[in-house]
Amino acid sequence: MNKAAYNVISAIGKEKAEQIFFQVMRYYLNNNSQFSDMRDAMVQATSSLYPNEKNTLIAVNNAYAAVGIGEMIPSASQDNTRVNSNYYLVPDSQVRELDFYDYVGFREIPTYENGSIYN
């Protein structure tokens, strides 16, 4: 993950990378996420934050492909960056606490669809 993060920062710059990583860590991942989930989340967040910047999206995808996560996209004409999973954003008002130090076991997390909670 460190090498992939370095690749992302080198490819798109620190400012864009910070925005994307912040979105991914805040909204897209959980304690069950795998390396491939990180790649998918990075592509999804990049697409959301920079919808008109296809080269940025490809650069993020290729940063992960360079470390063996996903497939390399050689040019903007070949786009396979669609994410297979649906991710739901949690409104800021619903985030109450993030505690990674004392977390033991699993707990049910409400899922959001169209702004309302469903389990």
N, C-alpha and C. Protein backbone atom coordinates (compact mmCIF):
# COMPACT_ATOMS: atom_id res chain seq x y z
N MET A 1 0.82 -1.20 0.00
CA MET A 1 0.00 0.00 0.00
C MET A 1 0.86 1.26 0.00
N ASN A 2 1.97 1.21 0.69
CA ASN A 2 2.85 2.39 0.71
C ASN A 2 3.38 2.71 -0.67
N LYS A 3 3.80 1.69 -1.41
CA LYS A 3 4.32 1.92 -2.76
C LYS A 3 3.21 2.41 -3.67
N ALA A 4 2.00 1.87 -3.52
CA ALA A 4 0.87 2.34 -4.33
C ALA A 4 0.57 3.80 -4.01
N ALA A 5 0.60 4.16 -2.73
CA ALA A 5 0.36 5.56 -2.34
C ALA A 5 1.44 6.47 -2.92
N TYR A 6 2.68 6.04 -2.85
CA TYR A 6 3.78 6.81 -3.45
C TYR A 6 3.54 6.99 -4.95
N ASN A 7 3.12 5.91 -5.61
CA ASN A 7 2.85 5.98 -7.06
C ASN A 7 1.73 6.99 -7.36
N VAL A 8 0.68 6.98 -6.54
CA VAL A 8 -0.44 7.91 -6.74
C VAL A 8 0.05 9.35 -6.59
N ILE A 9 0.77 9.63 -5.51
CA ILE A 9 1.26 10.99 -5.25
C ILE A 9 2.19 11.45 -6.37
N SER A 10 3.06 10.56 -6.81
CA SER A 10 4.00 10.90 -7.90
C SER A 10 3.26 11.19 -9.20
N ALA A 11 2.18 10.46 -9.44
CA ALA A 11 1.46 10.59 -10.71
C ALA A 11 0.54 11.79 -10.78
N ILE A 12 -0.14 12.12 -9.67
CA ILE A 12 -1.16 13.17 -9.74
C ILE A 12 -0.88 14.37 -8.84
N GLY A 13 0.12 14.29 -8.01
CA GLY A 13 0.45 15.40 -7.12
C GLY A 13 -0.13 15.23 -5.73
N LYS A 14 0.50 15.89 -4.80
CA LYS A 14 0.15 15.76 -3.39
C LYS A 14 -1.26 16.25 -3.07
N GLU A 15 -1.65 17.39 -3.62
CA GLU A 15 -2.95 17.98 -3.27
C GLU A 15 -4.12 17.09 -3.69
N LYS A 16 -4.12 16.62 -4.93
CA LYS A 16 -5.19 15.73 -5.38
C LYS A 16 -5.17 14.42 -4.62
N ALA A 17 -3.97 13.88 -4.42
CA ALA A 17 -3.85 12.62 -3.69
C ALA A 17 -4.41 12.75 -2.27
N GLU A 18 -4.13 13.85 -1.60
CA GLU A 18 -4.65 14.06 -0.25
C GLU A 18 -6.18 14.05 -0.24
N GLN A 19 -6.78 14.73 -1.21
CA GLN A 19 -8.25 14.77 -1.29
C GLN A 19 -8.83 13.38 -1.52
N ILE A 20 -8.21 12.63 -2.40
CA ILE A 20 -8.72 11.29 -2.71
C ILE A 20 -8.55 10.36 -1.52
N PHE A 21 -7.36 10.34 -0.92
CA PHE A 21 -7.14 9.47 0.23
C PHE A 21 -8.07 9.82 1.39
N PHE A 22 -8.30 11.11 1.60
CA PHE A 22 -9.22 11.52 2.67
C PHE A 22 -10.61 10.96 2.43
N GLN A 23 -11.12 11.10 1.21
CA GLN A 23 -12.45 10.57 0.89
C GLN A 23 -12.51 9.05 1.08
N VAL A 24 -11.48 8.37 0.60
CA VAL A 24 -11.44 6.91 0.71
C VAL A 24 -11.44 6.47 2.16
N MET A 25 -10.58 7.05 2.96
CA MET A 25 -10.47 6.63 4.36
C MET A 25 -11.71 7.01 5.16
N ARG A 26 -12.35 8.09 4.79
CA ARG A 26 -13.52 8.55 5.55
C ARG A 26 -14.80 7.82 5.16
N TYR A 27 -14.98 7.55 3.86
CA TYR A 27 -16.27 7.06 3.40
C TYR A 27 -16.30 5.64 2.83
N TYR A 28 -15.21 5.16 2.31
CA TYR A 28 -15.27 3.95 1.50
C TYR A 28 -14.79 2.66 2.17
N LEU A 29 -13.89 2.74 3.11
CA LEU A 29 -13.28 1.52 3.66
C LEU A 29 -13.78 1.21 5.07
N ASN A 30 -13.65 -0.05 5.45
CA ASN A 30 -13.95 -0.47 6.81
C ASN A 30 -12.91 -1.49 7.25
N ASN A 31 -13.08 -2.07 8.43
CA ASN A 31 -12.07 -2.99 8.96
C ASN A 31 -11.99 -4.31 8.20
N ASN A 32 -12.92 -4.59 7.30
CA ASN A 32 -12.88 -5.81 6.50
C ASN A 32 -12.32 -5.57 5.10
N SER A 33 -11.92 -4.36 4.79
CA SER A 33 -11.44 -4.02 3.46
C SER A 33 -10.12 -4.71 3.14
N GLN A 34 -9.99 -5.11 1.88
CA GLN A 34 -8.79 -5.76 1.38
C GLN A 34 -8.04 -4.79 0.46
N PHE A 35 -6.86 -5.21 -0.02
CA PHE A 35 -6.08 -4.37 -0.92
C PHE A 35 -6.88 -4.01 -2.16
N SER A 36 -7.60 -4.97 -2.71
CA SER A 36 -8.38 -4.68 -3.92
C SER A 36 -9.51 -3.69 -3.63
N ASP A 37 -10.05 -3.72 -2.40
CA ASP A 37 -11.08 -2.75 -2.02
C ASP A 37 -10.49 -1.34 -1.99
N MET A 38 -9.26 -1.23 -1.56
CA MET A 38 -8.59 0.08 -1.53
C MET A 38 -8.46 0.61 -2.94
N ARG A 39 -8.03 -0.23 -3.87
CA ARG A 39 -7.90 0.19 -5.26
C ARG A 39 -9.24 0.61 -5.82
N ASP A 40 -10.28 -0.20 -5.60
CA ASP A 40 -11.62 0.14 -6.08
C ASP A 40 -12.11 1.45 -5.48
N ALA A 41 -11.87 1.63 -4.18
CA ALA A 41 -12.30 2.86 -3.51
C ALA A 41 -11.55 4.07 -4.04
N MET A 42 -10.26 3.91 -4.30
CA MET A 42 -9.48 5.02 -4.85
C MET A 42 -10.00 5.42 -6.23
N VAL A 43 -10.32 4.45 -7.05
CA VAL A 43 -10.85 4.75 -8.38
C VAL A 43 -12.21 5.44 -8.26
N GLN A 44 -13.06 4.92 -7.37
CA GLN A 44 -14.39 5.51 -7.19
C GLN A 44 -14.30 6.95 -6.66
N ALA A 45 -13.44 7.16 -5.67
CA ALA A 45 -13.30 8.51 -5.10
C ALA A 45 -12.70 9.47 -6.13
N THR A 46 -11.75 9.00 -6.91
CA THR A 46 -11.16 9.84 -7.95
C THR A 46 -12.23 10.22 -8.97
N SER A 47 -13.03 9.26 -9.35
CA SER A 47 -14.11 9.52 -10.30
C SER A 47 -15.11 10.53 -9.75
N SER A 48 -15.40 10.45 -8.46
CA SER A 48 -16.34 11.38 -7.83
C SER A 48 -15.77 12.78 -7.69
N LEU A 49 -14.51 12.86 -7.27
CA LEU A 49 -13.89 14.16 -7.03
C LEU A 49 -13.45 14.86 -8.32
N TYR A 50 -13.02 14.08 -9.30
CA TYR A 50 -12.49 14.65 -10.54
C TYR A 50 -13.16 13.97 -11.74
N PRO A 51 -14.47 14.18 -11.91
CA PRO A 51 -15.21 13.46 -12.95
C PRO A 51 -14.78 13.79 -14.38
N ASN A 52 -14.18 14.93 -14.60
CA ASN A 52 -13.78 15.34 -15.94
C ASN A 52 -12.30 15.13 -16.22
N GLU A 53 -11.61 14.44 -15.31
CA GLU A 53 -10.17 14.24 -15.47
C GLU A 53 -9.86 12.76 -15.64
N LYS A 54 -10.09 12.27 -16.84
CA LYS A 54 -9.88 10.85 -17.14
C LYS A 54 -8.43 10.43 -16.93
N ASN A 55 -7.49 11.31 -17.23
CA ASN A 55 -6.08 10.98 -17.05
C ASN A 55 -5.73 10.81 -15.58
N THR A 56 -6.37 11.57 -14.70
CA THR A 56 -6.15 11.41 -13.26
C THR A 56 -6.68 10.05 -12.82
N LEU A 57 -7.85 9.69 -13.30
CA LEU A 57 -8.44 8.40 -12.97
C LEU A 57 -7.55 7.25 -13.43
N ILE A 58 -7.05 7.35 -14.63
CA ILE A 58 -6.17 6.31 -15.16
C ILE A 58 -4.85 6.25 -14.38
N ALA A 59 -4.33 7.41 -14.00
CA ALA A 59 -3.09 7.45 -13.22
C ALA A 59 -3.26 6.76 -11.87
N VAL A 60 -4.39 6.98 -11.21
CA VAL A 60 -4.66 6.32 -9.93
C VAL A 60 -4.79 4.82 -10.14
N ASN A 61 -5.55 4.43 -11.15
CA ASN A 61 -5.69 3.01 -11.46
C ASN A 61 -4.32 2.37 -11.71
N ASN A 62 -3.51 3.02 -12.52
CA ASN A 62 -2.21 2.46 -12.88
C ASN A 62 -1.22 2.46 -11.72
N ALA A 63 -1.38 3.36 -10.77
CA ALA A 63 -0.54 3.36 -9.58
C ALA A 63 -0.72 2.06 -8.80
N TYR A 64 -1.94 1.57 -8.75
CA TYR A 64 -2.21 0.30 -8.07
C TYR A 64 -1.83 -0.89 -8.95
N ALA A 65 -2.06 -0.77 -10.24
CA ALA A 65 -1.68 -1.85 -11.16
C ALA A 65 -0.16 -2.07 -11.13
N ALA A 66 0.60 -1.02 -10.92
CA ALA A 66 2.06 -1.13 -10.87
C ALA A 66 2.55 -1.98 -9.69
N VAL A 67 1.72 -2.13 -8.68
CA VAL A 67 2.09 -2.98 -7.53
C VAL A 67 1.28 -4.28 -7.52
N GLY A 68 0.65 -4.59 -8.66
CA GLY A 68 -0.02 -5.87 -8.80
C GLY A 68 -1.48 -5.91 -8.39
N ILE A 69 -2.11 -4.74 -8.21
CA ILE A 69 -3.52 -4.68 -7.82
C ILE A 69 -4.30 -4.06 -8.98
N GLY A 70 -5.01 -4.88 -9.72
CA GLY A 70 -5.76 -4.41 -10.87
C GLY A 70 -4.93 -4.49 -12.14
N GLU A 71 -5.53 -4.04 -13.23
CA GLU A 71 -4.89 -4.11 -14.53
C GLU A 71 -4.49 -2.72 -15.02
N MET A 72 -3.36 -2.65 -15.68
CA MET A 72 -2.85 -1.40 -16.23
C MET A 72 -3.74 -0.94 -17.38
N ILE A 73 -4.00 0.35 -17.48
CA ILE A 73 -4.72 0.95 -18.60
C ILE A 73 -3.70 1.75 -19.39
N PRO A 74 -3.38 1.34 -20.62
CA PRO A 74 -2.33 2.02 -21.36
C PRO A 74 -2.67 3.41 -21.86
N SER A 75 -3.94 3.72 -22.09
CA SER A 75 -4.28 5.05 -22.59
C SER A 75 -5.70 5.41 -22.18
N ALA A 76 -6.05 6.67 -22.39
CA ALA A 76 -7.38 7.15 -22.04
C ALA A 76 -8.47 6.53 -22.90
N SER A 77 -8.11 5.92 -24.01
CA SER A 77 -9.12 5.31 -24.87
C SER A 77 -9.56 3.94 -24.36
N GLN A 78 -8.83 3.39 -23.39
CA GLN A 78 -9.14 2.07 -22.87
C GLN A 78 -9.47 2.22 -21.39
N ASP A 79 -10.73 2.21 -21.03
CA ASP A 79 -11.15 2.51 -19.67
C ASP A 79 -11.84 1.31 -19.04
N ASN A 80 -11.18 0.69 -18.08
CA ASN A 80 -11.79 -0.39 -17.32
C ASN A 80 -11.82 -0.07 -15.83
N THR A 81 -12.03 1.19 -15.52
CA THR A 81 -11.93 1.64 -14.14
C THR A 81 -13.25 1.59 -13.38
N ARG A 82 -14.27 1.01 -13.96
CA ARG A 82 -15.53 0.92 -13.25
C ARG A 82 -15.39 0.01 -12.03
N VAL A 83 -16.02 0.41 -10.96
CA VAL A 83 -15.94 -0.34 -9.72
C VAL A 83 -17.09 -1.35 -9.67
N ASN A 84 -16.80 -2.54 -9.19
CA ASN A 84 -17.81 -3.59 -9.14
C ASN A 84 -18.73 -3.50 -7.92
N SER A 85 -18.37 -2.71 -6.95
CA SER A 85 -19.15 -2.64 -5.71
C SER A 85 -19.87 -1.30 -5.61
N ASN A 86 -20.93 -1.27 -4.85
CA ASN A 86 -21.62 -0.02 -4.55
C ASN A 86 -21.13 0.48 -3.20
N TYR A 87 -20.78 1.74 -3.13
CA TYR A 87 -20.35 2.36 -1.90
C TYR A 87 -21.36 3.42 -1.52
N TYR A 88 -21.63 3.54 -0.23
CA TYR A 88 -22.59 4.53 0.24
C TYR A 88 -21.87 5.52 1.13
N LEU A 89 -22.13 6.79 0.91
CA LEU A 89 -21.53 7.82 1.74
C LEU A 89 -22.34 7.99 3.01
N VAL A 90 -21.64 8.18 4.10
CA VAL A 90 -22.29 8.41 5.38
C VAL A 90 -22.28 9.92 5.63
N PRO A 91 -23.47 10.52 5.81
CA PRO A 91 -23.50 11.96 6.07
C PRO A 91 -22.70 12.31 7.33
N ASP A 92 -22.04 13.48 7.32
CA ASP A 92 -21.22 13.88 8.46
C ASP A 92 -21.97 13.81 9.77
N SER A 93 -23.25 14.14 9.76
CA SER A 93 -24.02 14.16 11.00
C SER A 93 -24.21 12.76 11.59
N GLN A 94 -23.98 11.71 10.78
CA GLN A 94 -24.16 10.34 11.26
C GLN A 94 -22.88 9.74 11.85
N VAL A 95 -21.72 10.39 11.61
CA VAL A 95 -20.46 9.88 12.13
C VAL A 95 -20.33 10.38 13.56
N ARG A 96 -20.29 9.45 14.49
CA ARG A 96 -20.23 9.82 15.90
C ARG A 96 -18.86 9.53 16.51
N GLU A 97 -18.22 8.42 16.11
CA GLU A 97 -16.97 8.07 16.74
C GLU A 97 -16.21 7.08 15.87
N LEU A 98 -14.93 7.26 15.79
CA LEU A 98 -14.06 6.31 15.13
C LEU A 98 -13.04 5.85 16.16
N ASP A 99 -13.10 4.59 16.53
CA ASP A 99 -12.21 4.06 17.55
C ASP A 99 -11.55 2.80 17.02
N PHE A 100 -10.28 2.93 16.60
CA PHE A 100 -9.58 1.79 16.03
C PHE A 100 -8.73 1.06 17.07
N TYR A 101 -8.53 1.65 18.23
CA TYR A 101 -7.63 1.06 19.20
C TYR A 101 -8.29 -0.01 20.05
N ASP A 102 -9.53 0.17 20.45
CA ASP A 102 -10.21 -0.77 21.32
C ASP A 102 -11.22 -1.62 20.59
N TYR A 103 -11.17 -1.63 19.27
CA TYR A 103 -12.17 -2.35 18.49
C TYR A 103 -11.94 -3.85 18.59
N VAL A 104 -12.96 -4.58 19.03
CA VAL A 104 -12.89 -6.03 19.14
C VAL A 104 -14.14 -6.61 18.52
N GLY A 105 -14.00 -7.60 17.65
CA GLY A 105 -15.16 -8.25 17.06
C GLY A 105 -15.79 -7.40 15.97
N PHE A 106 -17.01 -7.76 15.63
CA PHE A 106 -17.73 -7.08 14.57
C PHE A 106 -19.04 -6.54 15.11
N ARG A 107 -19.49 -5.47 14.52
CA ARG A 107 -20.80 -4.94 14.87
C ARG A 107 -21.51 -4.52 13.60
N GLU A 108 -22.80 -4.53 13.64
CA GLU A 108 -23.58 -4.17 12.46
C GLU A 108 -23.53 -2.67 12.25
N ILE A 109 -23.28 -2.26 11.02
CA ILE A 109 -23.21 -0.85 10.67
C ILE A 109 -24.38 -0.54 9.75
N PRO A 110 -25.17 0.49 10.05
CA PRO A 110 -26.31 0.80 9.16
C PRO A 110 -25.82 1.22 7.79
N THR A 111 -26.57 0.86 6.78
CA THR A 111 -26.25 1.20 5.40
C THR A 111 -27.21 2.27 4.94
N TYR A 112 -26.71 3.18 4.11
CA TYR A 112 -27.51 4.30 3.65
C TYR A 112 -27.88 4.14 2.19
N GLU A 113 -29.12 4.40 1.89
CA GLU A 113 -29.56 4.41 0.50
C GLU A 113 -30.50 5.58 0.32
N ASN A 114 -30.19 6.43 -0.61
CA ASN A 114 -31.00 7.61 -0.89
C ASN A 114 -31.24 8.45 0.36
N GLY A 115 -30.21 8.53 1.22
CA GLY A 115 -30.31 9.38 2.39
C GLY A 115 -31.01 8.77 3.58
N SER A 116 -31.51 7.53 3.49
CA SER A 116 -32.18 6.93 4.63
C SER A 116 -31.47 5.64 5.04
N ILE A 117 -31.58 5.30 6.30
CA ILE A 117 -30.91 4.12 6.84
C ILE A 117 -31.76 2.88 6.57
N TYR A 118 -31.09 1.80 6.17
CA TYR A 118 -31.75 0.50 6.11
C TYR A 118 -30.75 -0.56 6.55
N ASN A 119 -31.24 -1.63 7.15
CA ASN A 119 -30.36 -2.70 7.64
C ASN A 119 -30.63 -3.97 6.89
